[in-house]
Protein backbone atom coordinates (compact mmCIF):
# COMPACT_ATOMS: atom_id res chain seq x y z
CA MET A 1 120.28 65.46 47.83
CA SER A 2 123.99 65.64 47.81
CA VAL A 3 125.54 66.23 44.26
CA ALA A 4 128.55 64.01 44.74
CA GLU A 5 129.77 60.96 46.75
CA ILE A 6 133.19 61.47 47.94
CA LEU A 7 135.09 57.99 48.51
CA PRO A 8 138.20 58.46 50.69
CA GLY A 9 141.52 56.97 49.95
CA GLY A 10 145.01 56.77 51.30
CA ASP A 11 146.89 57.32 48.13
CA ARG A 12 146.96 61.36 47.74
CA THR A 13 148.80 61.23 44.26
CA VAL A 14 145.87 60.16 42.14
CA LEU A 15 142.14 61.47 42.08
CA LEU A 16 139.33 59.64 40.32
CA LEU A 17 136.34 61.53 38.96
CA CYS A 18 133.31 60.15 37.42
CA ASP A 19 131.00 62.97 36.31
CA HIS A 20 128.30 60.89 34.66
CA ALA A 21 127.98 58.08 37.39
CA SER A 22 124.37 58.39 38.27
CA LYS A 23 120.87 57.98 36.54
CA VAL A 24 119.04 59.46 39.37
CA VAL A 25 116.61 62.19 38.78
CA PRO A 26 115.46 63.98 41.91
CA ALA A 27 111.77 63.31 42.78
CA ASP A 28 110.53 66.95 42.24
CA ILE A 29 112.06 67.02 38.78
CA ASP A 30 109.65 65.75 35.99
CA LEU A 31 111.68 65.01 32.76
CA GLY A 32 108.62 63.92 31.03
CA ILE A 33 110.11 60.78 29.49
CA ASP A 34 109.77 57.16 29.75
CA PRO A 35 111.57 55.77 32.63
CA ALA A 36 113.23 53.05 30.65
CA LEU A 37 115.37 55.72 29.09
CA LEU A 38 117.29 56.24 32.33
CA ASP A 39 118.77 52.90 31.64
CA LEU A 40 120.48 54.20 28.37
CA HIS A 41 123.67 55.96 27.70
CA ILE A 42 122.02 59.32 27.34
CA ALA A 43 121.20 59.33 30.97
CA VAL A 44 124.22 57.68 32.55
CA ASP A 45 127.54 56.48 31.48
CA ILE A 46 126.89 52.77 31.74
CA GLY A 47 129.43 50.92 33.78
CA ALA A 48 131.58 53.95 34.65
CA ALA A 49 130.69 54.26 38.26
CA ALA A 50 131.43 50.52 38.89
CA VAL A 51 134.93 50.90 37.22
CA THR A 52 135.44 54.00 39.20
CA ARG A 53 134.57 52.29 42.35
CA ALA A 54 136.47 49.08 41.65
CA LEU A 55 139.64 51.29 40.74
CA ALA A 56 139.32 53.32 43.74
CA VAL A 57 139.50 50.40 45.90
CA MET A 58 142.71 48.87 43.95
CA LEU A 59 144.66 52.20 44.37
CA ASP A 60 143.24 53.11 47.49
CA ALA A 61 142.54 56.57 45.95
CA PRO A 62 139.97 59.27 46.63
CA ALA A 63 137.21 59.33 44.16
CA ILE A 64 134.36 61.63 43.48
CA LEU A 65 131.11 60.57 41.61
CA ALA A 66 128.23 62.65 40.56
CA THR A 67 125.01 61.68 42.17
CA VAL A 68 122.55 63.08 39.46
CA SER A 69 121.76 62.17 35.90
CA ARG A 70 123.16 63.83 32.89
CA LEU A 71 119.66 64.42 31.56
CA VAL A 72 118.96 66.65 34.55
CA ILE A 73 122.06 68.62 34.15
CA ASP A 74 125.24 67.65 32.25
CA LEU A 75 128.04 68.28 35.06
CA HIS A 76 130.91 67.75 32.23
CA ARG A 77 129.75 70.96 30.42
CA GLU A 78 130.44 74.77 30.97
CA PRO A 79 127.44 76.47 32.30
CA ASP A 80 127.00 78.39 29.16
CA HIS A 81 127.10 75.21 27.03
CA ALA A 82 123.89 74.44 24.79
CA GLY A 83 123.83 70.80 25.89
CA LEU A 84 124.08 71.53 29.52
CA ILE A 85 120.32 70.92 30.07
CA PRO A 86 119.40 68.91 27.01
CA ALA A 87 116.10 69.28 25.58
CA ALA A 88 116.70 66.09 23.41
CA SER A 89 119.57 63.32 23.64
CA ASP A 90 120.30 61.00 20.79
CA GLY A 91 116.94 61.54 19.04
CA HIS A 92 114.95 61.42 22.40
CA PRO A 93 113.04 64.44 23.18
CA ILE A 94 113.27 65.60 27.11
CA PRO A 95 110.17 67.78 27.21
CA GLY A 96 110.76 68.54 30.88
CA ASN A 97 114.11 70.42 30.32
CA VAL A 98 112.16 72.69 27.86
CA GLY A 99 112.00 76.30 29.44
CA VAL A 100 113.49 75.03 32.49
CA ASP A 101 115.06 77.65 35.03
CA ARG A 102 118.83 77.38 33.97
CA ARG A 103 120.13 79.28 36.76
CA ALA A 104 118.15 77.58 39.32
CA ARG A 105 119.32 74.20 38.12
CA ILE A 106 122.85 75.36 37.73
CA ALA A 107 122.67 76.75 41.54
CA ARG A 108 121.29 73.43 42.71
CA PHE A 109 123.69 71.02 41.20
CA HIS A 110 126.48 72.24 38.93
CA ALA A 111 128.04 74.81 40.98
CA PRO A 112 128.21 72.76 44.11
CA TYR A 113 129.41 69.79 42.27
CA HIS A 114 132.41 71.77 40.86
CA ARG A 115 132.99 73.50 44.19
CA CYS A 116 133.18 69.91 45.51
CA LEU A 117 135.83 68.96 42.81
CA ARG A 118 137.82 72.17 43.42
CA ASP A 119 137.82 71.85 47.21
CA GLN A 120 139.03 68.20 46.85
CA VAL A 121 141.91 69.19 44.35
CA CYS A 122 143.03 71.94 46.72
CA ARG A 123 143.11 69.83 49.71
CA GLN A 124 144.72 66.89 48.01
CA ARG A 125 146.93 68.51 45.07
CA PRO A 126 146.99 64.99 43.28
CA ALA A 127 149.95 64.48 40.79
CA LEU A 128 147.38 62.93 38.28
CA ILE A 129 143.51 63.10 37.81
CA LEU A 130 141.53 60.38 35.86
CA SER A 131 138.24 61.15 34.69
CA ILE A 132 136.34 57.92 34.04
CA HIS A 133 133.62 57.76 31.40
CA SER A 134 131.90 55.42 28.93
CA PHE A 135 130.62 55.64 25.39
CA THR A 136 127.79 53.72 23.23
CA PRO A 137 128.95 51.54 20.52
CA GLN A 138 126.61 53.20 18.07
CA LEU A 139 124.31 56.39 18.44
CA GLU A 140 120.82 55.68 17.64
CA ASP A 141 120.14 59.01 15.90
CA GLY A 142 122.27 58.12 12.84
CA GLY A 143 125.30 57.26 14.16
CA THR A 144 127.86 54.91 12.59
CA PRO A 145 129.62 52.11 14.54
CA ARG A 146 132.54 53.17 16.79
CA PRO A 147 135.32 50.80 16.53
CA TRP A 148 137.25 51.73 19.61
CA GLU A 149 137.34 49.89 22.67
CA VAL A 150 138.69 52.81 24.63
CA GLY A 151 139.50 56.46 24.02
CA ILE A 152 141.87 58.87 25.61
CA LEU A 153 140.69 62.51 25.84
CA TYR A 154 142.60 65.52 26.44
CA ASN A 155 143.21 69.17 25.64
CA ARG A 156 146.41 70.90 25.46
CA ASP A 157 148.27 69.01 28.19
CA THR A 158 149.54 65.79 26.84
CA ARG A 159 151.83 64.74 29.55
CA ALA A 160 149.49 61.74 30.41
CA ALA A 161 147.39 61.38 27.38
CA ARG A 162 150.36 60.50 24.98
CA PRO A 163 151.79 57.82 27.35
CA ALA A 164 148.16 56.37 27.89
CA VAL A 165 147.53 56.14 24.25
CA ASP A 166 150.75 54.33 23.61
CA TRP A 167 150.25 52.08 26.59
CA PHE A 168 146.85 50.87 25.43
CA ARG A 169 147.75 50.23 21.67
CA THR A 170 151.00 48.55 23.04
CA GLN A 171 148.50 46.16 24.88
CA GLY A 172 146.58 45.53 21.61
CA PHE A 173 143.61 47.74 22.34
CA VAL A 174 141.86 49.63 19.51
CA THR A 175 142.25 52.96 21.05
CA GLY A 176 140.90 56.56 20.21
CA ASP A 177 143.28 59.25 20.37
CA ASN A 178 140.96 61.95 21.20
CA GLU A 179 138.02 59.83 19.92
CA PRO A 180 135.09 59.12 19.96
CA TYR A 181 134.90 62.91 20.47
CA SER A 182 137.65 65.61 20.86
CA GLY A 183 138.77 66.57 24.34
CA ARG A 184 139.49 69.73 22.75
CA LEU A 185 135.77 70.47 22.53
CA LEU A 186 134.58 68.26 25.34
CA ASN A 187 136.74 68.40 28.52
CA ALA A 188 134.90 70.97 30.68
CA THR A 189 135.84 69.15 34.10
CA LEU A 190 139.41 68.46 33.43
CA ASN A 191 140.03 71.78 31.83
CA ARG A 192 138.89 73.45 34.90
CA HIS A 193 140.20 71.36 37.65
CA ALA A 194 143.34 69.70 36.22
CA GLU A 195 144.72 71.61 33.40
CA ALA A 196 144.11 74.98 34.83
CA GLN A 197 145.75 73.81 37.77
CA GLY A 198 148.76 72.47 36.12
CA ILE A 199 147.99 68.85 37.04
CA PRO A 200 148.35 66.09 34.24
CA SER A 201 144.97 64.23 33.40
CA ILE A 202 143.14 62.31 30.91
CA ALA A 203 139.56 61.35 30.44
CA ILE A 204 139.06 57.56 29.80
CA GLU A 205 136.28 56.60 27.63
CA ILE A 206 135.40 52.85 27.64
CA ARG A 207 133.17 51.45 25.29
CA ASN A 208 130.06 50.65 27.33
CA ASP A 209 129.47 47.07 26.32
CA LEU A 210 132.59 46.11 27.45
CA ILE A 211 131.82 47.10 31.10
CA ARG A 212 128.07 46.19 31.27
CA ALA A 213 128.75 42.90 33.18
CA PRO A 214 130.49 42.58 36.44
CA GLU A 215 133.47 40.46 34.67
CA GLY A 216 133.89 43.48 32.31
CA VAL A 217 134.07 45.87 35.05
CA THR A 218 136.64 43.76 37.03
CA ARG A 219 138.75 43.52 33.83
CA TRP A 220 138.85 47.27 33.10
CA ALA A 221 139.34 48.41 36.65
CA GLY A 222 142.35 45.85 36.56
CA LEU A 223 143.45 47.39 33.32
CA LEU A 224 143.16 50.93 34.54
CA HIS A 225 145.10 50.10 37.65
CA GLU A 226 147.92 48.97 35.71
CA LEU A 227 147.78 52.16 33.44
CA THR A 228 147.72 54.39 36.39
CA LEU A 229 150.77 52.85 38.07
CA PHE A 230 152.43 53.20 34.65
CA LEU A 231 151.40 56.79 34.32
CA ARG A 232 152.58 57.55 37.98
CA ASN A 233 155.84 56.26 37.18
CA THR A 234 156.18 57.86 33.87
CA LEU A 235 155.32 61.31 35.23
CA ALA A 236 157.55 60.93 38.15
CA GLN A 237 160.48 60.17 35.82
CA LYS A 238 159.67 63.31 34.23
CA GLY A 239 159.63 65.19 37.47
CA VAL A 240 155.92 65.71 37.77
CA SER A 241 154.65 65.26 41.45
CA ALA A 242 152.29 66.30 43.92
CA THR A 243 152.58 69.98 45.20
């Protein structure tokens, strides 16, 4: 199976990514779990793929969506990260991942996915990269309710992050600044393909109860469209452009 779906687009200034777009588990991999778990946030970023697709159409921008569940391998982790191939997630054991051949799974999924991203960035040289995710309102395993409607994650490069946080707050949204988790710790894809290449970027985390239904997807795709145009103009005023 292909590790990524690439959506073409005419606007080369923006690139959209969705690392946790899919709940698919290849037929030859047995995770040893109840299939119902594949519909939960532990397997897929609920609503994120639909928002990414809708936003790509609105922007006429290229997008790359992963095609394998994060329970098989988390493409948004470094290869040496302890949670790359989870033995458990939010209190749910994943017995099929215990003792798995780590190198083989990296070679089959993780490495080619990140080669795909690298090649797209090299071809396109976007002025802005947006990574679309979603988060659960409350973890099952002892979590407390998360009040944010949307979070903006980033590492050291704040060129897009600071304006994005301010924009959402100005619109009246309860916005997490590097919440519900820190981009300083969990930002592997953008660290590698954006920040390391000098390209402004943010990860956008939308609370998944807001984008479970089609009307929520439409609303948030529209909001992210407005945000993207705002960021593109803001960065252009600061002299940031595609190279």
